[in-house]
Amino acid sequence: MSISAHCCSCHRKLLLGQLTQPQDGFRCPFCGFAFAPAYASVTPRLTSRVIAAQAALITALTELQSMTAGRLHFDQATQLDPIAATLAQTSQPDPTRGRRAHRWARGHDAQPALDLPRGEVH
């Protein structure tokens, strides 16, 4: 079972498994968009952990369900809702995207604040 995602740049569907190679720089395999520029060396390992965790959860639930033979029913909401809530939080649009960066964020030296008397305009 694969986890799919969509690139926010080219909007193409991709599989999380396509993002596990560190040499690829955690970029969209189609358009080259960097998904986590500051974490490009760390995110492939984390992606692999997410894929392994999904496989382990599915395997463990399948085994447990086969042992209980219908005598125990799992509440899907308690399994899926926390995941859905986490995905909803990370899927929110970045409110700063598309805005110009502040002077200090663009690497310019900070300008000292001017303390002007009230009513005086320069």
PDB file of N, CA and C in Angstrom:
ATOM      1  N   MET A   1       0.845  -1.174   0.000  1.00  0.00           N
ATOM      2  CA  MET A   1       0.000   0.000   0.000  1.00  0.00           C
ATOM      3  C   MET A   1       0.891   1.237   0.000  1.00  0.00           C
ATOM      4  N   SER A   2       0.587   2.187  -0.844  1.00  0.00           N
ATOM      5  CA  SER A   2       1.394   3.389  -0.963  1.00  0.00           C
ATOM      6  C   SER A   2       0.622   4.610  -0.472  1.00  0.00           C
ATOM      7  N   ILE A   3       1.355   5.578   0.002  1.00  0.00           N
ATOM      8  CA  ILE A   3       0.772   6.843   0.427  1.00  0.00           C
ATOM      9  C   ILE A   3       0.964   7.813  -0.731  1.00  0.00           C
ATOM     10  N   SER A   4      -0.125   8.396  -1.193  1.00  0.00           N
ATOM     11  CA  SER A   4      -0.014   9.344  -2.298  1.00  0.00           C
ATOM     12  C   SER A   4      -0.078  10.769  -1.765  1.00  0.00           C
ATOM     13  N   ALA A   5       0.447  11.667  -2.563  1.00  0.00           N
ATOM     14  CA  ALA A   5       0.470  13.086  -2.227  1.00  0.00           C
ATOM     15  C   ALA A   5       0.335  13.871  -3.530  1.00  0.00           C
ATOM     16  N   HIS A   6       0.200  15.162  -3.402  1.00  0.00           N
ATOM     17  CA  HIS A   6       0.124  16.040  -4.572  1.00  0.00           C
ATOM     18  C   HIS A   6       1.127  17.171  -4.403  1.00  0.00           C
ATOM     19  N   CYS A   7       1.848  17.468  -5.449  1.00  0.00           N
ATOM     20  CA  CYS A   7       2.783  18.590  -5.447  1.00  0.00           C
ATOM     21  C   CYS A   7       1.973  19.881  -5.457  1.00  0.00           C
ATOM     22  N   CYS A   8       2.299  20.808  -4.582  1.00  0.00           N
ATOM     23  CA  CYS A   8       1.591  22.087  -4.525  1.00  0.00           C
ATOM     24  C   CYS A   8       2.058  23.051  -5.612  1.00  0.00           C
ATOM     25  N   SER A   9       3.052  22.662  -6.376  1.00  0.00           N
ATOM     26  CA  SER A   9       3.524  23.510  -7.458  1.00  0.00           C
ATOM     27  C   SER A   9       2.911  23.093  -8.795  1.00  0.00           C
ATOM     28  N   CYS A  10       3.105  21.825  -9.185  1.00  0.00           N
ATOM     29  CA  CYS A  10       2.585  21.361 -10.478  1.00  0.00           C
ATOM     30  C   CYS A  10       1.269  20.599 -10.334  1.00  0.00           C
ATOM     31  N   HIS A  11       0.856  20.334  -9.095  1.00  0.00           N
ATOM     32  CA  HIS A  11      -0.414  19.667  -8.772  1.00  0.00           C
ATOM     33  C   HIS A  11      -0.489  18.224  -9.282  1.00  0.00           C
ATOM     34  N   ARG A  12       0.648  17.619  -9.551  1.00  0.00           N
ATOM     35  CA  ARG A  12       0.641  16.226  -9.996  1.00  0.00           C
ATOM     36  C   ARG A  12       0.666  15.302  -8.795  1.00  0.00           C
ATOM     37  N   LYS A  13       0.061  14.146  -8.974  1.00  0.00           N
ATOM     38  CA  LYS A  13       0.020  13.136  -7.924  1.00  0.00           C
ATOM     39  C   LYS A  13       1.341  12.366  -7.947  1.00  0.00           C
ATOM     40  N   LEU A  14       1.859  12.090  -6.758  1.00  0.00           N
ATOM     41  CA  LEU A  14       3.073  11.304  -6.631  1.00  0.00           C
ATOM     42  C   LEU A  14       2.939  10.393  -5.424  1.00  0.00           C
ATOM     43  N   LEU A  15       3.825   9.434  -5.341  1.00  0.00           N
ATOM     44  CA  LEU A  15       3.833   8.519  -4.206  1.00  0.00           C
ATOM     45  C   LEU A  15       4.925   8.942  -3.239  1.00  0.00           C
ATOM     46  N   LEU A  16       4.638   8.838  -1.957  1.00  0.00           N
ATOM     47  CA  LEU A  16       5.613   9.209  -0.941  1.00  0.00           C
ATOM     48  C   LEU A  16       6.898   8.396  -1.106  1.00  0.00           C
ATOM     49  N   GLY A  17       6.763   7.169  -1.575  1.00  0.00           N
ATOM     50  CA  GLY A  17       7.933   6.327  -1.804  1.00  0.00           C
ATOM     51  C   GLY A  17       8.903   6.899  -2.822  1.00  0.00           C
ATOM     52  N   GLN A  18       8.438   7.814  -3.654  1.00  0.00           N
ATOM     53  CA  GLN A  18       9.309   8.451  -4.634  1.00  0.00           C
ATOM     54  C   GLN A  18      10.213   9.508  -3.999  1.00  0.00           C
ATOM     55  N   LEU A  19      10.008   9.797  -2.742  1.00  0.00           N
ATOM     56  CA  LEU A  19      10.744  10.868  -2.071  1.00  0.00           C
ATOM     57  C   LEU A  19      11.702  10.358  -1.005  1.00  0.00           C
ATOM     58  N   THR A  20      12.130   9.129  -1.119  1.00  0.00           N
ATOM     59  CA  THR A  20      12.968   8.538  -0.072  1.00  0.00           C
ATOM     60  C   THR A  20      14.457   8.530  -0.400  1.00  0.00           C
ATOM     61  N   GLN A  21      14.834   9.051  -1.545  1.00  0.00           N
ATOM     62  CA  GLN A  21      16.247   9.055  -1.929  1.00  0.00           C
ATOM     63  C   GLN A  21      16.881  10.405  -1.580  1.00  0.00           C
ATOM     64  N   PRO A  22      17.839  10.426  -0.655  1.00  0.00           N
ATOM     65  CA  PRO A  22      18.452  11.690  -0.246  1.00  0.00           C
ATOM     66  C   PRO A  22      19.086  12.466  -1.408  1.00  0.00           C
ATOM     67  N   GLN A  23      19.630  11.757  -2.372  1.00  0.00           N
ATOM     68  CA  GLN A  23      20.296  12.442  -3.484  1.00  0.00           C
ATOM     69  C   GLN A  23      19.310  13.227  -4.361  1.00  0.00           C
ATOM     70  N   ASP A  24      18.035  12.941  -4.251  1.00  0.00           N
ATOM     71  CA  ASP A  24      17.028  13.674  -5.022  1.00  0.00           C
ATOM     72  C   ASP A  24      16.665  15.007  -4.388  1.00  0.00           C
ATOM     73  N   GLY A  25      17.088  15.237  -3.156  1.00  0.00           N
ATOM     74  CA  GLY A  25      16.870  16.523  -2.502  1.00  0.00           C
ATOM     75  C   GLY A  25      15.450  16.803  -2.074  1.00  0.00           C
ATOM     76  N   PHE A  26      14.610  15.773  -1.897  1.00  0.00           N
ATOM     77  CA  PHE A  26      13.222  15.906  -1.467  1.00  0.00           C
ATOM     78  C   PHE A  26      12.492  16.929  -2.333  1.00  0.00           C
ATOM     79  N   ARG A  27      12.510  16.656  -3.633  1.00  0.00           N
ATOM     80  CA  ARG A  27      11.893  17.517  -4.639  1.00  0.00           C
ATOM     81  C   ARG A  27      10.840  16.747  -5.419  1.00  0.00           C
ATOM     82  N   CYS A  28       9.925  17.471  -6.023  1.00  0.00           N
ATOM     83  CA  CYS A  28       8.923  16.855  -6.892  1.00  0.00           C
ATOM     84  C   CYS A  28       9.649  16.168  -8.050  1.00  0.00           C
ATOM     85  N   PRO A  29       9.359  14.903  -8.299  1.00  0.00           N
ATOM     86  CA  PRO A  29      10.033  14.212  -9.400  1.00  0.00           C
ATOM     87  C   PRO A  29       9.598  14.725 -10.771  1.00  0.00           C
ATOM     88  N   PHE A  30       8.557  15.534 -10.822  1.00  0.00           N
ATOM     89  CA  PHE A  30       8.047  16.034 -12.101  1.00  0.00           C
ATOM     90  C   PHE A  30       8.516  17.450 -12.410  1.00  0.00           C
ATOM     91  N   CYS A  31       8.364  18.368 -11.447  1.00  0.00           N
ATOM     92  CA  CYS A  31       8.706  19.770 -11.719  1.00  0.00           C
ATOM     93  C   CYS A  31       9.944  20.248 -10.963  1.00  0.00           C
ATOM     94  N   GLY A  32      10.441  19.452 -10.011  1.00  0.00           N
ATOM     95  CA  GLY A  32      11.636  19.827  -9.264  1.00  0.00           C
ATOM     96  C   GLY A  32      11.401  20.739  -8.072  1.00  0.00           C
ATOM     97  N   PHE A  33      10.140  21.026  -7.754  1.00  0.00           N
ATOM     98  CA  PHE A  33       9.797  21.891  -6.627  1.00  0.00           C
ATOM     99  C   PHE A  33      10.334  21.297  -5.328  1.00  0.00           C
ATOM    100  N   ALA A  34      11.052  22.084  -4.528  1.00  0.00           N
ATOM    101  CA  ALA A  34      11.620  21.629  -3.256  1.00  0.00           C
ATOM    102  C   ALA A  34      10.534  21.652  -2.183  1.00  0.00           C
ATOM    103  N   PHE A  35      10.213  20.488  -1.635  1.00  0.00           N
ATOM    104  CA  PHE A  35       9.150  20.388  -0.638  1.00  0.00           C
ATOM    105  C   PHE A  35       9.593  20.879   0.736  1.00  0.00           C
ATOM    106  N   ALA A  36      10.834  20.652   1.095  1.00  0.00           N
ATOM    107  CA  ALA A  36      11.343  21.081   2.403  1.00  0.00           C
ATOM    108  C   ALA A  36      12.792  21.511   2.223  1.00  0.00           C
ATOM    109  N   PRO A  37      13.022  22.682   1.622  1.00  0.00           N
ATOM    110  CA  PRO A  37      14.380  23.089   1.279  1.00  0.00           C
ATOM    111  C   PRO A  37      15.363  23.063   2.442  1.00  0.00           C
ATOM    112  N   ALA A  38      14.932  23.469   3.603  1.00  0.00           N
ATOM    113  CA  ALA A  38      15.845  23.515   4.747  1.00  0.00           C
ATOM    114  C   ALA A  38      16.095  22.141   5.358  1.00  0.00           C
ATOM    115  N   TYR A  39      15.304  21.148   4.969  1.00  0.00           N
ATOM    116  CA  TYR A  39      15.410  19.822   5.568  1.00  0.00           C
ATOM    117  C   TYR A  39      15.616  18.730   4.528  1.00  0.00           C
ATOM    118  N   ALA A  40      16.178  19.079   3.392  1.00  0.00           N
ATOM    119  CA  ALA A  40      16.293  18.141   2.276  1.00  0.00           C
ATOM    120  C   ALA A  40      17.093  16.883   2.618  1.00  0.00           C
ATOM    121  N   SER A  41      18.016  16.965   3.552  1.00  0.00           N
ATOM    122  CA  SER A  41      18.812  15.785   3.893  1.00  0.00           C
ATOM    123  C   SER A  41      18.130  14.914   4.953  1.00  0.00           C
ATOM    124  N   VAL A  42      17.189  15.463   5.687  1.00  0.00           N
ATOM    125  CA  VAL A  42      16.522  14.744   6.775  1.00  0.00           C
ATOM    126  C   VAL A  42      15.197  14.123   6.326  1.00  0.00           C
ATOM    127  N   THR A  43      14.462  14.803   5.484  1.00  0.00           N
ATOM    128  CA  THR A  43      13.112  14.377   5.129  1.00  0.00           C
ATOM    129  C   THR A  43      13.023  13.030   4.420  1.00  0.00           C
ATOM    130  N   PRO A  44      13.994  12.619   3.600  1.00  0.00           N
ATOM    131  CA  PRO A  44      13.870  11.275   3.011  1.00  0.00           C
ATOM    132  C   PRO A  44      13.838  10.160   4.069  1.00  0.00           C
ATOM    133  N   ARG A  45      14.650  10.296   5.122  1.00  0.00           N
ATOM    134  CA  ARG A  45      14.620   9.295   6.206  1.00  0.00           C
ATOM    135  C   ARG A  45      13.286   9.328   6.936  1.00  0.00           C
ATOM    136  N   LEU A  46      12.770  10.518   7.186  1.00  0.00           N
ATOM    137  CA  LEU A  46      11.483  10.649   7.854  1.00  0.00           C
ATOM    138  C   LEU A  46      10.371  10.072   6.987  1.00  0.00           C
ATOM    139  N   THR A  47      10.444  10.305   5.693  1.00  0.00           N
ATOM    140  CA  THR A  47       9.470   9.739   4.757  1.00  0.00           C
ATOM    141  C   THR A  47       9.499   8.223   4.811  1.00  0.00           C
ATOM    142  N   SER A  48      10.676   7.647   4.850  1.00  0.00           N
ATOM    143  CA  SER A  48      10.803   6.190   4.970  1.00  0.00           C
ATOM    144  C   SER A  48      10.185   5.690   6.266  1.00  0.00           C
ATOM    145  N   ARG A  49      10.360   6.443   7.343  1.00  0.00           N
ATOM    146  CA  ARG A  49       9.752   6.062   8.624  1.00  0.00           C
ATOM    147  C   ARG A  49       8.234   6.101   8.552  1.00  0.00           C
ATOM    148  N   VAL A  50       7.675   7.100   7.871  1.00  0.00           N
ATOM    149  CA  VAL A  50       6.220   7.199   7.725  1.00  0.00           C
ATOM    150  C   VAL A  50       5.697   5.985   6.958  1.00  0.00           C
ATOM    151  N   ILE A  51       6.365   5.619   5.884  1.00  0.00           N
ATOM    152  CA  ILE A  51       5.945   4.466   5.071  1.00  0.00           C
ATOM    153  C   ILE A  51       6.029   3.184   5.892  1.00  0.00           C
ATOM    154  N   ALA A  52       7.117   3.027   6.650  1.00  0.00           N
ATOM    155  CA  ALA A  52       7.282   1.832   7.487  1.00  0.00           C
ATOM    156  C   ALA A  52       6.232   1.799   8.604  1.00  0.00           C
ATOM    157  N   ALA A  53       5.923   2.948   9.182  1.00  0.00           N
ATOM    158  CA  ALA A  53       4.913   3.004  10.247  1.00  0.00           C
ATOM    159  C   ALA A  53       3.539   2.626   9.715  1.00  0.00           C
ATOM    160  N   GLN A  54       3.215   3.087   8.521  1.00  0.00           N
ATOM    161  CA  GLN A  54       1.932   2.729   7.920  1.00  0.00           C
ATOM    162  C   GLN A  54       1.859   1.218   7.705  1.00  0.00           C
ATOM    163  N   ALA A  55       2.912   0.637   7.156  1.00  0.00           N
ATOM    164  CA  ALA A  55       2.933  -0.806   6.910  1.00  0.00           C
ATOM    165  C   ALA A  55       2.841  -1.586   8.216  1.00  0.00           C
ATOM    166  N   ALA A  56       3.563  -1.126   9.254  1.00  0.00           N
ATOM    167  CA  ALA A  56       3.527  -1.817  10.552  1.00  0.00           C
ATOM    168  C   ALA A  56       2.139  -1.731  11.176  1.00  0.00           C
ATOM    169  N   LEU A  57       1.493  -0.577  11.092  1.00  0.00           N
ATOM    170  CA  LEU A  57       0.153  -0.416  11.654  1.00  0.00           C
ATOM    171  C   LEU A  57      -0.836  -1.335  10.946  1.00  0.00           C
ATOM    172  N   ILE A  58      -0.793  -1.362   9.644  1.00  0.00           N
ATOM    173  CA  ILE A  58      -1.712  -2.215   8.884  1.00  0.00           C
ATOM    174  C   ILE A  58      -1.473  -3.686   9.203  1.00  0.00           C
ATOM    175  N   THR A  59      -0.215  -4.095   9.261  1.00  0.00           N
ATOM    176  CA  THR A  59       0.111  -5.485   9.575  1.00  0.00           C
ATOM    177  C   THR A  59      -0.369  -5.859  10.979  1.00  0.00           C
ATOM    178  N   ALA A  60      -0.091  -5.005  11.960  1.00  0.00           N
ATOM    179  CA  ALA A  60      -0.483  -5.294  13.337  1.00  0.00           C
ATOM    180  C   ALA A  60      -2.002  -5.338  13.487  1.00  0.00           C
ATOM    181  N   LEU A  61      -2.711  -4.407  12.872  1.00  0.00           N
ATOM    182  CA  LEU A  61      -4.178  -4.421  12.956  1.00  0.00           C
ATOM    183  C   LEU A  61      -4.766  -5.659  12.287  1.00  0.00           C
ATOM    184  N   THR A  62      -4.191  -6.054  11.166  1.00  0.00           N
ATOM    185  CA  THR A  62      -4.655  -7.251  10.463  1.00  0.00           C
ATOM    186  C   THR A  62      -4.452  -8.492  11.333  1.00  0.00           C
ATOM    187  N   GLU A  63      -3.279  -8.602  11.957  1.00  0.00           N
ATOM    188  CA  GLU A  63      -2.996  -9.742  12.824  1.00  0.00           C
ATOM    189  C   GLU A  63      -3.932  -9.772  14.029  1.00  0.00           C
ATOM    190  N   LEU A  64      -4.105  -8.626  14.668  1.00  0.00           N
ATOM    191  CA  LEU A  64      -4.970  -8.551  15.841  1.00  0.00           C
ATOM    192  C   LEU A  64      -6.411  -8.876  15.477  1.00  0.00           C
ATOM    193  N   GLN A  65      -6.855  -8.356  14.353  1.00  0.00           N
ATOM    194  CA  GLN A  65      -8.222  -8.616  13.926  1.00  0.00           C
ATOM    195  C   GLN A  65      -8.423 -10.100  13.618  1.00  0.00           C
ATOM    196  N   SER A  66      -7.416 -10.743  13.028  1.00  0.00           N
ATOM    197  CA  SER A  66      -7.558 -12.177  12.737  1.00  0.00           C
ATOM    198  C   SER A  66      -7.584 -13.003  14.027  1.00  0.00           C
ATOM    199  N   MET A  67      -6.917 -12.557  15.080  1.00  0.00           N
ATOM    200  CA  MET A  67      -6.902 -13.272  16.351  1.00  0.00           C
ATOM    201  C   MET A  67      -8.221 -13.138  17.100  1.00  0.00           C
ATOM    202  N   THR A  68      -8.892 -12.014  16.924  1.00  0.00           N
ATOM    203  CA  THR A  68     -10.134 -11.800  17.657  1.00  0.00           C
ATOM    204  C   THR A  68     -11.337 -12.378  16.925  1.00  0.00           C
ATOM    205  N   ALA A  69     -11.167 -12.728  15.656  1.00  0.00           N
ATOM    206  CA  ALA A  69     -12.186 -13.411  14.846  1.00  0.00           C
ATOM    207  C   ALA A  69     -13.585 -12.814  14.996  1.00  0.00           C
ATOM    208  N   GLY A  70     -13.675 -11.502  14.898  1.00  0.00           N
ATOM    209  CA  GLY A  70     -14.983 -10.861  14.943  1.00  0.00           C
ATOM    210  C   GLY A  70     -15.537 -10.646  16.346  1.00  0.00           C
ATOM    211  N   ARG A  71     -14.808 -11.038  17.377  1.00  0.00           N
ATOM    212  CA  ARG A  71     -15.273 -10.846  18.750  1.00  0.00           C
ATOM    213  C   ARG A  71     -14.905  -9.474  19.294  1.00  0.00           C
ATOM    214  N   LEU A  72     -14.109  -8.744  18.540  1.00  0.00           N
ATOM    215  CA  LEU A  72     -13.690  -7.414  18.942  1.00  0.00           C
ATOM    216  C   LEU A  72     -13.705  -6.536  17.693  1.00  0.00           C
ATOM    217  N   HIS A  73     -14.429  -5.459  17.765  1.00  0.00           N
ATOM    218  CA  HIS A  73     -14.499  -4.536  16.631  1.00  0.00           C
ATOM    219  C   HIS A  73     -13.758  -3.255  16.995  1.00  0.00           C
ATOM    220  N   PHE A  74     -12.942  -2.799  16.070  1.00  0.00           N
ATOM    221  CA  PHE A  74     -12.157  -1.586  16.299  1.00  0.00           C
ATOM    222  C   PHE A  74     -12.939  -0.357  15.848  1.00  0.00           C
ATOM    223  N   ASP A  75     -12.849   0.669  16.632  1.00  0.00           N
ATOM    224  CA  ASP A  75     -13.476   1.944  16.297  1.00  0.00           C
ATOM    225  C   ASP A  75     -12.568   2.652  15.288  1.00  0.00           C
ATOM    226  N   GLN A  76     -13.008   2.716  14.048  1.00  0.00           N
ATOM    227  CA  GLN A  76     -12.193   3.317  12.995  1.00  0.00           C
ATOM    228  C   GLN A  76     -11.883   4.780  13.271  1.00  0.00           C
ATOM    229  N   ALA A  77     -12.824   5.480  13.864  1.00  0.00           N
ATOM    230  CA  ALA A  77     -12.618   6.909  14.117  1.00  0.00           C
ATOM    231  C   ALA A  77     -11.414   7.141  15.026  1.00  0.00           C
ATOM    232  N   THR A  78     -11.204   6.271  16.017  1.00  0.00           N
ATOM    233  CA  THR A  78     -10.076   6.465  16.922  1.00  0.00           C
ATOM    234  C   THR A  78      -8.750   6.176  16.236  1.00  0.00           C
ATOM    235  N   GLN A  79      -8.789   5.451  15.137  1.00  0.00           N
ATOM    236  CA  GLN A  79      -7.569   5.180  14.377  1.00  0.00           C
ATOM    237  C   GLN A  79      -7.346   6.244  13.309  1.00  0.00           C
ATOM    238  N   LEU A  80      -8.412   6.639  12.646  1.00  0.00           N
ATOM    239  CA  LEU A  80      -8.285   7.521  11.494  1.00  0.00           C
ATOM    240  C   LEU A  80      -8.383   9.008  11.811  1.00  0.00           C
ATOM    241  N   ASP A  81      -9.182   9.374  12.803  1.00  0.00           N
ATOM    242  CA  ASP A  81      -9.380  10.795  13.107  1.00  0.00           C
ATOM    243  C   ASP A  81      -8.081  11.523  13.496  1.00  0.00           C
ATOM    244  N   PRO A  82      -7.226  10.934  14.348  1.00  0.00           N
ATOM    245  CA  PRO A  82      -5.974  11.641  14.659  1.00  0.00           C
ATOM    246  C   PRO A  82      -5.096  11.846  13.421  1.00  0.00           C
ATOM    247  N   ILE A  83      -5.097  10.880  12.530  1.00  0.00           N
ATOM    248  CA  ILE A  83      -4.314  11.010  11.298  1.00  0.00           C
ATOM    249  C   ILE A  83      -4.928  12.090  10.416  1.00  0.00           C
ATOM    250  N   ALA A  84      -6.256  12.054  10.266  1.00  0.00           N
ATOM    251  CA  ALA A  84      -6.945  13.059   9.447  1.00  0.00           C
ATOM    252  C   ALA A  84      -6.740  14.458  10.014  1.00  0.00           C
ATOM    253  N   ALA A  85      -6.763  14.591  11.322  1.00  0.00           N
ATOM    254  CA  ALA A  85      -6.561  15.898  11.949  1.00  0.00           C
ATOM    255  C   ALA A  85      -5.147  16.412  11.696  1.00  0.00           C
ATOM    256  N   THR A  86      -4.171  15.529  11.781  1.00  0.00           N
ATOM    257  CA  THR A  86      -2.789  15.921  11.517  1.00  0.00           C
ATOM    258  C   THR A  86      -2.616  16.336  10.067  1.00  0.00           C
ATOM    259  N   LEU A  87      -3.189  15.567   9.148  1.00  0.00           N
ATOM    260  CA  LEU A  87      -3.094  15.914   7.732  1.00  0.00           C
ATOM    261  C   LEU A  87      -3.803  17.225   7.434  1.00  0.00           C
ATOM    262  N   ALA A  88      -4.920  17.481   8.093  1.00  0.00           N
ATOM    263  CA  ALA A  88      -5.641  18.737   7.873  1.00  0.00           C
ATOM    264  C   ALA A  88      -4.804  19.922   8.331  1.00  0.00           C
ATOM    265  N   GLN A  89      -4.090  19.772   9.452  1.00  0.00           N
ATOM    266  CA  GLN A  89      -3.247  20.858   9.953  1.00  0.00           C
ATOM    267  C   GLN A  89      -2.102  21.142   8.999  1.00  0.00           C
ATOM    268  N   THR A  90      -1.489  20.096   8.454  1.00  0.00           N
ATOM    269  CA  THR A  90      -0.347  20.292   7.570  1.00  0.00           C
ATOM    270  C   THR A  90      -0.763  20.674   6.169  1.00  0.00           C
ATOM    271  N   SER A  91      -2.044  20.532   5.850  1.00  0.00           N
ATOM    272  CA  SER A  91      -2.513  20.869   4.512  1.00  0.00           C
ATOM    273  C   SER A  91      -3.031  22.295   4.410  1.00  0.00           C
ATOM    274  N   GLN A  92      -3.049  23.020   5.519  1.00  0.00           N
ATOM    275  CA  GLN A  92      -3.521  24.390   5.490  1.00  0.00           C
ATOM    276  C   GLN A  92      -2.553  25.228   4.662  1.00  0.00           C
ATOM    277  N   PRO A  93      -3.074  26.143   3.850  1.00  0.00           N
ATOM    278  CA  PRO A  93      -2.181  26.983   3.053  1.00  0.00           C
ATOM    279  C   PRO A  93      -1.305  27.859   3.945  1.00  0.00           C
ATOM    280  N   ASP A  94      -0.094  28.071   3.503  1.00  0.00           N
ATOM    281  CA  ASP A  94       0.844  28.919   4.223  1.00  0.00           C
ATOM    282  C   ASP A  94       0.400  30.373   4.062  1.00  0.00           C
ATOM    283  N   PRO A  95       0.036  31.064   5.154  1.00  0.00           N
ATOM    284  CA  PRO A  95      -0.461  32.427   5.036  1.00  0.00           C
ATOM    285  C   PRO A  95       0.594  33.404   4.514  1.00  0.00           C
ATOM    286  N   THR A  96       1.885  33.060   4.606  1.00  0.00           N
ATOM    287  CA  THR A  96       2.932  33.955   4.141  1.00  0.00           C
ATOM    288  C   THR A  96       3.307  33.694   2.691  1.00  0.00           C
ATOM    289  N   ARG A  97       2.820  32.618   2.115  1.00  0.00           N
ATOM    290  CA  ARG A  97       3.188  32.289   0.741  1.00  0.00           C
ATOM    291  C   ARG A  97       2.629  33.336  -0.218  1.00  0.00           C
ATOM    292  N   GLY A  98       3.459  33.787  -1.092  1.00  0.00           N
ATOM    293  CA  GLY A  98       3.035  34.775  -2.063  1.00  0.00           C
ATOM    294  C   GLY A  98       3.249  36.211  -1.606  1.00  0.00           C
ATOM    295  N   ARG A  99       3.543  36.391  -0.335  1.00  0.00           N
ATOM    296  CA  ARG A  99       3.815  37.740   0.183  1.00  0.00           C
ATOM    297  C   ARG A  99       5.303  38.015   0.063  1.00  0.00           C
ATOM    298  N   ARG A 100       5.637  39.274  -0.006  1.00  0.00           N
ATOM    299  CA  ARG A 100       7.045  39.642  -0.020  1.00  0.00           C
ATOM    300  C   ARG A 100       7.615  39.485   1.379  1.00  0.00           C
ATOM    301  N   ALA A 101       8.830  39.024   1.442  1.00  0.00           N
ATOM    302  CA  ALA A 101       9.483  38.849   2.736  1.00  0.00           C
ATOM    303  C   ALA A 101       9.816  40.210   3.337  1.00  0.00           C
ATOM    304  N   HIS A 102       9.803  40.264   4.646  1.00  0.00           N
ATOM    305  CA  HIS A 102      10.213  41.479   5.341  1.00  0.00           C
ATOM    306  C   HIS A 102      11.691  41.737   5.069  1.00  0.00           C
ATOM    307  N   ARG A 103      12.088  42.973   5.241  1.00  0.00           N
ATOM    308  CA  ARG A 103      13.480  43.332   4.986  1.00  0.00           C
ATOM    309  C   ARG A 103      14.436  42.436   5.782  1.00  0.00           C
ATOM    310  N   TRP A 104      14.126  42.186   7.055  1.00  0.00           N
ATOM    311  CA  TRP A 104      15.024  41.384   7.880  1.00  0.00           C
ATOM    312  C   TRP A 104      15.061  39.933   7.425  1.00  0.00           C
ATOM    313  N   ALA A 105      13.999  39.437   6.802  1.00  0.00           N
ATOM    314  CA  ALA A 105      13.968  38.056   6.331  1.00  0.00           C
ATOM    315  C   ALA A 105      14.708  37.897   5.014  1.00  0.00           C
ATOM    316  N   ARG A 106      14.920  38.980   4.298  1.00  0.00           N
ATOM    317  CA  ARG A 106      15.614  38.915   3.015  1.00  0.00           C
ATOM    318  C   ARG A 106      17.119  39.061   3.182  1.00  0.00           C
ATOM    319  N   GLY A 107      17.586  39.177   4.416  1.00  0.00           N
ATOM    320  CA  GLY A 107      19.019  39.243   4.659  1.00  0.00           C
ATOM    321  C   GLY A 107      19.576  40.657   4.744  1.00  0.00           C
ATOM    322  N   HIS A 108      18.730  41.686   4.700  1.00  0.00           N
ATOM    323  CA  HIS A 108      19.216  43.054   4.839  1.00  0.00           C
ATOM    324  C   HIS A 108      19.508  43.335   6.301  1.00  0.00           C
ATOM    325  N   ASP A 109      20.430  44.255   6.502  1.00  0.00           N
ATOM    326  CA  ASP A 109      20.727  44.660   7.876  1.00  0.00           C
ATOM    327  C   ASP A 109      19.521  45.358   8.468  1.00  0.00           C
ATOM    328  N   ALA A 110      19.322  45.128   9.734  1.00  0.00           N
ATOM    329  CA  ALA A 110      18.190  45.772  10.412  1.00  0.00           C
ATOM    330  C   ALA A 110      18.428  47.270  10.489  1.00  0.00           C
ATOM    331  N   GLN A 111      17.394  48.037  10.234  1.00  0.00           N
ATOM    332  CA  GLN A 111      17.467  49.484  10.326  1.00  0.00           C
ATOM    333  C   GLN A 111      17.092  49.886  11.751  1.00  0.00           C
ATOM    334  N   PRO A 112      17.868  50.746  12.377  1.00  0.00           N
ATOM    335  CA  PRO A 112      17.500  51.175  13.727  1.00  0.00           C
ATOM    336  C   PRO A 112      16.199  51.975  13.678  1.00  0.00           C
ATOM    337  N   ALA A 113      15.391  51.780  14.680  1.00  0.00           N
ATOM    338  CA  ALA A 113      14.117  52.504  14.755  1.00  0.00           C
ATOM    339  C   ALA A 113      14.391  53.959  15.079  1.00  0.00           C
ATOM    340  N   LEU A 114      13.641  54.839  14.433  1.00  0.00           N
ATOM    341  CA  LEU A 114      13.761  56.268  14.706  1.00  0.00           C
ATOM    342  C   LEU A 114      12.737  56.662  15.751  1.00  0.00           C
ATOM    343  N   ASP A 115      13.183  57.308  16.788  1.00  0.00           N
ATOM    344  CA  ASP A 115      12.282  57.813  17.801  1.00  0.00           C
ATOM    345  C   ASP A 115      12.009  59.278  17.495  1.00  0.00           C
ATOM    346  N   LEU A 116      10.910  59.538  16.823  1.00  0.00           N
ATOM    347  CA  LEU A 116      10.535  60.907  16.476  1.00  0.00           C
ATOM    348  C   LEU A 116       9.526  61.436  17.468  1.00  0.00           C
ATOM    349  N   PRO A 117       9.611  62.706  17.791  1.00  0.00           N
ATOM    350  CA  PRO A 117       8.585  63.292  18.654  1.00  0.00           C
ATOM    351  C   PRO A 117       7.232  63.231  17.953  1.00  0.00           C
ATOM    352  N   ARG A 118       6.183  63.134  18.737  1.00  0.00           N
ATOM    353  CA  ARG A 118       4.828  63.061  18.196  1.00  0.00           C
ATOM    354  C   ARG A 118       4.543  64.271  17.317  1.00  0.00           C
ATOM    355  N   GLY A 119       3.863  64.000  16.205  1.00  0.00           N
ATOM    356  CA  GLY A 119       3.444  65.066  15.321  1.00  0.00           C
ATOM    357  C   GLY A 119       4.515  65.489  14.331  1.00  0.00           C
ATOM    358  N   GLU A 120       5.753  65.067  14.520  1.00  0.00           N
ATOM    359  CA  GLU A 120       6.820  65.442  13.619  1.00  0.00           C
ATOM    360  C   GLU A 120       6.963  64.394  12.535  1.00  0.00           C
ATOM    361  N   VAL A 121       6.898  64.807  11.288  1.00  0.00           N
ATOM    362  CA  VAL A 121       7.000  63.913  10.173  1.00  0.00           C
ATOM    363  C   VAL A 121       8.206  64.281   9.344  1.00  0.00           C
ATOM    364  N   HIS A 122       8.977  63.329   8.926  1.00  0.00           N
ATOM    365  CA  HIS A 122      10.174  63.575   8.100  1.00  0.00           C
ATOM    366  C   HIS A 122      10.006  62.915   6.774  1.00  0.00           C
TER     367      HIS A 122
END
